[in-house]
């Protein structure tokens, strides 16, 4: 399969109006980084308390990783403002759902068996109209989100 279910769930959450996905990702990265740097700074002597240094470095690390994705999903496409959450959704048009199919081939002539499986899913397509809060530009973007998971449609045995 092209994507795992968690990646599809994360893509859907990014394009919703909730900021929870970014906050959850930032907190998870902060926790892992804080644990790593607190262990590293505890072993190293220094004048700065290890907890403070680990906290500051973990904040910087988590912010740098999440910031690019936040800006890509919430930034202005026209003025390229470096501030996130500058665009506001002012309209949405739903386009007809499309079916997306993937063929997966197993085996081969070397093993004496060959089988092709066809998986399909629905893709939801919306045309979203945004307005920048800083420069008042209006633009449209096409957003494609998975409407369902992949389901096995057909198995093909080329020998039959």
C-alpha atoms as a PDB file:
ATOM      1  CA  UNK A   1       0.000   0.000   0.000  1.00  0.00           C
ATOM      2  CA  UNK A   2       1.307   3.499  -0.739  1.00  0.00           C
ATOM      3  CA  UNK A   3       0.575   4.979   2.720  1.00  0.00           C
ATOM      4  CA  UNK A   4      -0.043   3.520   6.107  1.00  0.00           C
ATOM      5  CA  UNK A   5      -3.272   4.386   7.967  1.00  0.00           C
ATOM      6  CA  UNK A   6      -1.504   6.763  10.388  1.00  0.00           C
ATOM      7  CA  UNK A   7      -0.115   8.887   7.543  1.00  0.00           C
ATOM      8  CA  UNK A   8      -3.583   9.099   5.982  1.00  0.00           C
ATOM      9  CA  UNK A   9      -5.111  10.079   9.340  1.00  0.00           C
ATOM     10  CA  UNK A  10      -2.440  12.762   9.827  1.00  0.00           C
ATOM     11  CA  UNK A  11      -3.068  14.182   6.338  1.00  0.00           C
ATOM     12  CA  UNK A  12      -6.790  14.437   7.057  1.00  0.00           C
ATOM     13  CA  UNK A  13      -6.169  16.124  10.434  1.00  0.00           C
ATOM     14  CA  UNK A  14      -3.797  18.692   8.906  1.00  0.00           C
ATOM     15  CA  UNK A  15      -6.459  20.040   6.588  1.00  0.00           C
ATOM     16  CA  UNK A  16      -9.174  20.254   9.222  1.00  0.00           C
ATOM     17  CA  UNK A  17      -9.631  23.480  11.140  1.00  0.00           C
ATOM     18  CA  UNK A  18      -8.364  21.937  14.381  1.00  0.00           C
ATOM     19  CA  UNK A  19      -4.786  22.623  15.454  1.00  0.00           C
ATOM     20  CA  UNK A  20      -4.743  19.520  17.643  1.00  0.00           C
ATOM     21  CA  UNK A  21      -2.666  17.406  15.219  1.00  0.00           C
ATOM     22  CA  UNK A  22       0.174  19.925  15.186  1.00  0.00           C
ATOM     23  CA  UNK A  23       0.065  20.347  18.959  1.00  0.00           C
ATOM     24  CA  UNK A  24       0.106  16.581  19.507  1.00  0.00           C
ATOM     25  CA  UNK A  25       3.018  16.164  17.103  1.00  0.00           C
ATOM     26  CA  UNK A  26       4.930  19.034  18.747  1.00  0.00           C
ATOM     27  CA  UNK A  27       4.405  17.567  22.215  1.00  0.00           C
ATOM     28  CA  UNK A  28       5.510  14.087  21.112  1.00  0.00           C
ATOM     29  CA  UNK A  29       8.689  15.481  19.517  1.00  0.00           C
ATOM     30  CA  UNK A  30       9.331  17.658  22.558  1.00  0.00           C
ATOM     31  CA  UNK A  31       8.980  14.668  24.904  1.00  0.00           C
ATOM     32  CA  UNK A  32      11.379  12.472  22.936  1.00  0.00           C
ATOM     33  CA  UNK A  33      13.900  15.291  22.503  1.00  0.00           C
ATOM     34  CA  UNK A  34      13.648  16.322  26.154  1.00  0.00           C
ATOM     35  CA  UNK A  35      14.313  12.764  27.322  1.00  0.00           C
ATOM     36  CA  UNK A  36      17.329  12.458  25.022  1.00  0.00           C
ATOM     37  CA  UNK A  37      18.851  15.834  25.897  1.00  0.00           C
ATOM     38  CA  UNK A  38      18.205  15.489  29.615  1.00  0.00           C
ATOM     39  CA  UNK A  39      20.181  12.222  29.614  1.00  0.00           C
ATOM     40  CA  UNK A  40      22.947  13.814  27.530  1.00  0.00           C
ATOM     41  CA  UNK A  41      23.227  16.973  29.665  1.00  0.00           C
ATOM     42  CA  UNK A  42      23.123  15.066  32.958  1.00  0.00           C
ATOM     43  CA  UNK A  43      26.332  13.274  32.028  1.00  0.00           C
ATOM     44  CA  UNK A  44      28.092  16.453  30.842  1.00  0.00           C
ATOM     45  CA  UNK A  45      29.364  19.044  33.338  1.00  0.00           C
ATOM     46  CA  UNK A  46      28.324  22.654  32.784  1.00  0.00           C
ATOM     47  CA  UNK A  47      27.191  25.870  34.416  1.00  0.00           C
ATOM     48  CA  UNK A  48      23.629  25.686  33.027  1.00  0.00           C
ATOM     49  CA  UNK A  49      21.243  23.310  34.849  1.00  0.00           C
ATOM     50  CA  UNK A  50      20.723  20.174  32.733  1.00  0.00           C
ATOM     51  CA  UNK A  51      16.910  20.377  32.931  1.00  0.00           C
ATOM     52  CA  UNK A  52      16.839  23.964  31.620  1.00  0.00           C
ATOM     53  CA  UNK A  53      19.276  23.257  28.789  1.00  0.00           C
ATOM     54  CA  UNK A  54      17.337  20.129  27.780  1.00  0.00           C
ATOM     55  CA  UNK A  55      14.026  22.028  27.857  1.00  0.00           C
ATOM     56  CA  UNK A  56      15.311  24.933  25.729  1.00  0.00           C
ATOM     57  CA  UNK A  57      16.955  22.672  23.174  1.00  0.00           C
ATOM     58  CA  UNK A  58      13.883  20.417  22.984  1.00  0.00           C
ATOM     59  CA  UNK A  59      11.579  23.409  22.402  1.00  0.00           C
ATOM     60  CA  UNK A  60      13.842  24.584  19.575  1.00  0.00           C
ATOM     61  CA  UNK A  61      14.060  21.090  18.060  1.00  0.00           C
ATOM     62  CA  UNK A  62      10.305  20.380  18.154  1.00  0.00           C
ATOM     63  CA  UNK A  63       9.426  23.840  16.820  1.00  0.00           C
ATOM     64  CA  UNK A  64      11.847  23.597  13.898  1.00  0.00           C
ATOM     65  CA  UNK A  65      10.496  20.227  12.796  1.00  0.00           C
ATOM     66  CA  UNK A  66       6.778  21.067  13.074  1.00  0.00           C
ATOM     67  CA  UNK A  67       6.999  24.690  11.835  1.00  0.00           C
ATOM     68  CA  UNK A  68       7.587  23.824   8.173  1.00  0.00           C
ATOM     69  CA  UNK A  69       4.520  21.622   7.993  1.00  0.00           C
ATOM     70  CA  UNK A  70       2.372  24.147   9.870  1.00  0.00           C
ATOM     71  CA  UNK A  71       3.452  26.888   7.473  1.00  0.00           C
ATOM     72  CA  UNK A  72       2.782  24.695   4.418  1.00  0.00           C
ATOM     73  CA  UNK A  73      -0.763  23.935   5.568  1.00  0.00           C
ATOM     74  CA  UNK A  74      -1.706  27.332   7.054  1.00  0.00           C
ATOM     75  CA  UNK A  75       0.508  29.944   5.361  1.00  0.00           C
ATOM     76  CA  UNK A  76      -0.352  32.444   2.617  1.00  0.00           C
ATOM     77  CA  UNK A  77       0.428  31.253  -0.912  1.00  0.00           C
ATOM     78  CA  UNK A  78       0.645  34.785  -2.324  1.00  0.00           C
ATOM     79  CA  UNK A  79       2.689  36.952   0.078  1.00  0.00           C
ATOM     80  CA  UNK A  80       4.686  34.036   1.554  1.00  0.00           C
ATOM     81  CA  UNK A  81       4.460  35.468   5.053  1.00  0.00           C
ATOM     82  CA  UNK A  82       6.685  33.581   7.522  1.00  0.00           C
ATOM     83  CA  UNK A  83       3.871  33.619  10.088  1.00  0.00           C
ATOM     84  CA  UNK A  84       1.662  30.511  10.348  1.00  0.00           C
ATOM     85  CA  UNK A  85      -2.145  30.536  10.498  1.00  0.00           C
ATOM     86  CA  UNK A  86      -2.402  33.544   8.156  1.00  0.00           C
ATOM     87  CA  UNK A  87      -4.973  32.123   5.784  1.00  0.00           C
ATOM     88  CA  UNK A  88      -8.660  31.881   6.503  1.00  0.00           C
ATOM     89  CA  UNK A  89     -10.995  29.502   4.724  1.00  0.00           C
ATOM     90  CA  UNK A  90     -13.870  31.435   3.167  1.00  0.00           C
ATOM     91  CA  UNK A  91     -15.413  28.797   0.911  1.00  0.00           C
ATOM     92  CA  UNK A  92     -15.381  25.121  -0.007  1.00  0.00           C
ATOM     93  CA  UNK A  93     -16.777  23.295  -3.046  1.00  0.00           C
ATOM     94  CA  UNK A  94     -17.014  19.535  -3.053  1.00  0.00           C
ATOM     95  CA  UNK A  95     -16.079  17.861  -6.318  1.00  0.00           C
ATOM     96  CA  UNK A  96     -17.308  14.364  -7.233  1.00  0.00           C
ATOM     97  CA  UNK A  97     -15.492  11.600  -5.375  1.00  0.00           C
ATOM     98  CA  UNK A  98     -12.962   9.689  -7.432  1.00  0.00           C
ATOM     99  CA  UNK A  99     -11.891   6.086  -7.157  1.00  0.00           C
ATOM    100  CA  UNK A 100      -8.172   5.470  -6.830  1.00  0.00           C
ATOM    101  CA  UNK A 101      -6.884   1.974  -7.580  1.00  0.00           C
ATOM    102  CA  UNK A 102      -3.508   0.326  -6.959  1.00  0.00           C
ATOM    103  CA  UNK A 103      -2.250  -2.962  -8.359  1.00  0.00           C
ATOM    104  CA  UNK A 104       0.128  -5.036  -6.248  1.00  0.00           C
ATOM    105  CA  UNK A 105       1.972  -7.921  -7.872  1.00  0.00           C
ATOM    106  CA  UNK A 106       3.198 -10.857  -5.805  1.00  0.00           C
ATOM    107  CA  UNK A 107       5.491 -13.664  -6.828  1.00  0.00           C
ATOM    108  CA  UNK A 108       6.989 -13.976 -10.258  1.00  0.00           C
ATOM    109  CA  UNK A 109       8.241 -16.468 -12.810  1.00  0.00           C
ATOM    110  CA  UNK A 110      11.183 -17.365 -10.563  1.00  0.00           C
ATOM    111  CA  UNK A 111       8.862 -18.839  -7.935  1.00  0.00           C
ATOM    112  CA  UNK A 112       6.422 -20.386 -10.362  1.00  0.00           C
ATOM    113  CA  UNK A 113       3.542 -18.324  -9.044  1.00  0.00           C
ATOM    114  CA  UNK A 114       2.255 -14.920  -9.894  1.00  0.00           C
ATOM    115  CA  UNK A 115      -0.722 -13.062  -8.497  1.00  0.00           C
ATOM    116  CA  UNK A 116      -2.006  -9.534  -8.905  1.00  0.00           C
ATOM    117  CA  UNK A 117      -4.251  -7.901  -6.315  1.00  0.00           C
ATOM    118  CA  UNK A 118      -6.218  -4.741  -7.050  1.00  0.00           C
ATOM    119  CA  UNK A 119      -7.003  -2.385  -4.154  1.00  0.00           C
ATOM    120  CA  UNK A 120      -9.336   0.611  -4.472  1.00  0.00           C
ATOM    121  CA  UNK A 121     -10.358   3.539  -2.279  1.00  0.00           C
ATOM    122  CA  UNK A 122     -12.423   6.690  -2.608  1.00  0.00           C
ATOM    123  CA  UNK A 123     -10.702  10.077  -2.696  1.00  0.00           C
ATOM    124  CA  UNK A 124     -12.577  13.163  -1.601  1.00  0.00           C
ATOM    125  CA  UNK A 125     -11.683  16.280  -3.569  1.00  0.00           C
ATOM    126  CA  UNK A 126     -12.535  19.813  -2.465  1.00  0.00           C
ATOM    127  CA  UNK A 127     -11.767  23.181  -3.989  1.00  0.00           C
ATOM    128  CA  UNK A 128     -11.072  25.451  -1.013  1.00  0.00           C
ATOM    129  CA  UNK A 129     -11.050  29.254  -1.241  1.00  0.00           C
ATOM    130  CA  UNK A 130      -8.706  31.048   1.168  1.00  0.00           C
ATOM    131  CA  UNK A 131      -8.139  34.685   2.125  1.00  0.00           C
ATOM    132  CA  UNK A 132      -4.886  35.921   3.606  1.00  0.00           C
ATOM    133  CA  UNK A 133      -5.331  37.846   6.850  1.00  0.00           C
ATOM    134  CA  UNK A 134      -2.293  40.015   6.092  1.00  0.00           C
ATOM    135  CA  UNK A 135      -2.436  40.905   2.389  1.00  0.00           C
ATOM    136  CA  UNK A 136      -6.157  40.147   1.692  1.00  0.00           C
ATOM    137  CA  UNK A 137      -5.326  38.052  -1.363  1.00  0.00           C
ATOM    138  CA  UNK A 138      -7.818  35.370  -2.347  1.00  0.00           C
ATOM    139  CA  UNK A 139      -6.806  32.070  -3.930  1.00  0.00           C
ATOM    140  CA  UNK A 140      -8.095  28.549  -4.400  1.00  0.00           C
ATOM    141  CA  UNK A 141      -6.442  25.243  -3.659  1.00  0.00           C
ATOM    142  CA  UNK A 142      -7.415  21.709  -4.589  1.00  0.00           C
ATOM    143  CA  UNK A 143      -7.373  19.450  -1.522  1.00  0.00           C
ATOM    144  CA  UNK A 144      -7.475  15.685  -2.030  1.00  0.00           C
ATOM    145  CA  UNK A 145      -8.106  13.589   1.059  1.00  0.00           C
ATOM    146  CA  UNK A 146      -8.702   9.853   1.389  1.00  0.00           C
ATOM    147  CA  UNK A 147     -12.407   9.180   1.822  1.00  0.00           C
ATOM    148  CA  UNK A 148     -11.914   5.530   2.773  1.00  0.00           C
ATOM    149  CA  UNK A 149      -9.155   3.014   3.254  1.00  0.00           C
ATOM    150  CA  UNK A 150      -7.913   0.657   0.569  1.00  0.00           C
ATOM    151  CA  UNK A 151     -10.113  -2.404   0.074  1.00  0.00           C
ATOM    152  CA  UNK A 152      -9.288  -5.528  -1.884  1.00  0.00           C
ATOM    153  CA  UNK A 153     -11.391  -5.519  -5.043  1.00  0.00           C
ATOM    154  CA  UNK A 154      -9.992  -8.348  -7.137  1.00  0.00           C
ATOM    155  CA  UNK A 155      -7.336 -11.042  -7.248  1.00  0.00           C
ATOM    156  CA  UNK A 156      -5.999 -11.963 -10.645  1.00  0.00           C
ATOM    157  CA  UNK A 157      -4.077 -15.147 -11.359  1.00  0.00           C
ATOM    158  CA  UNK A 158      -2.486 -14.647 -14.823  1.00  0.00           C
ATOM    159  CA  UNK A 159      -1.998 -18.414 -15.300  1.00  0.00           C
ATOM    160  CA  UNK A 160      -5.761 -19.054 -15.387  1.00  0.00           C
END
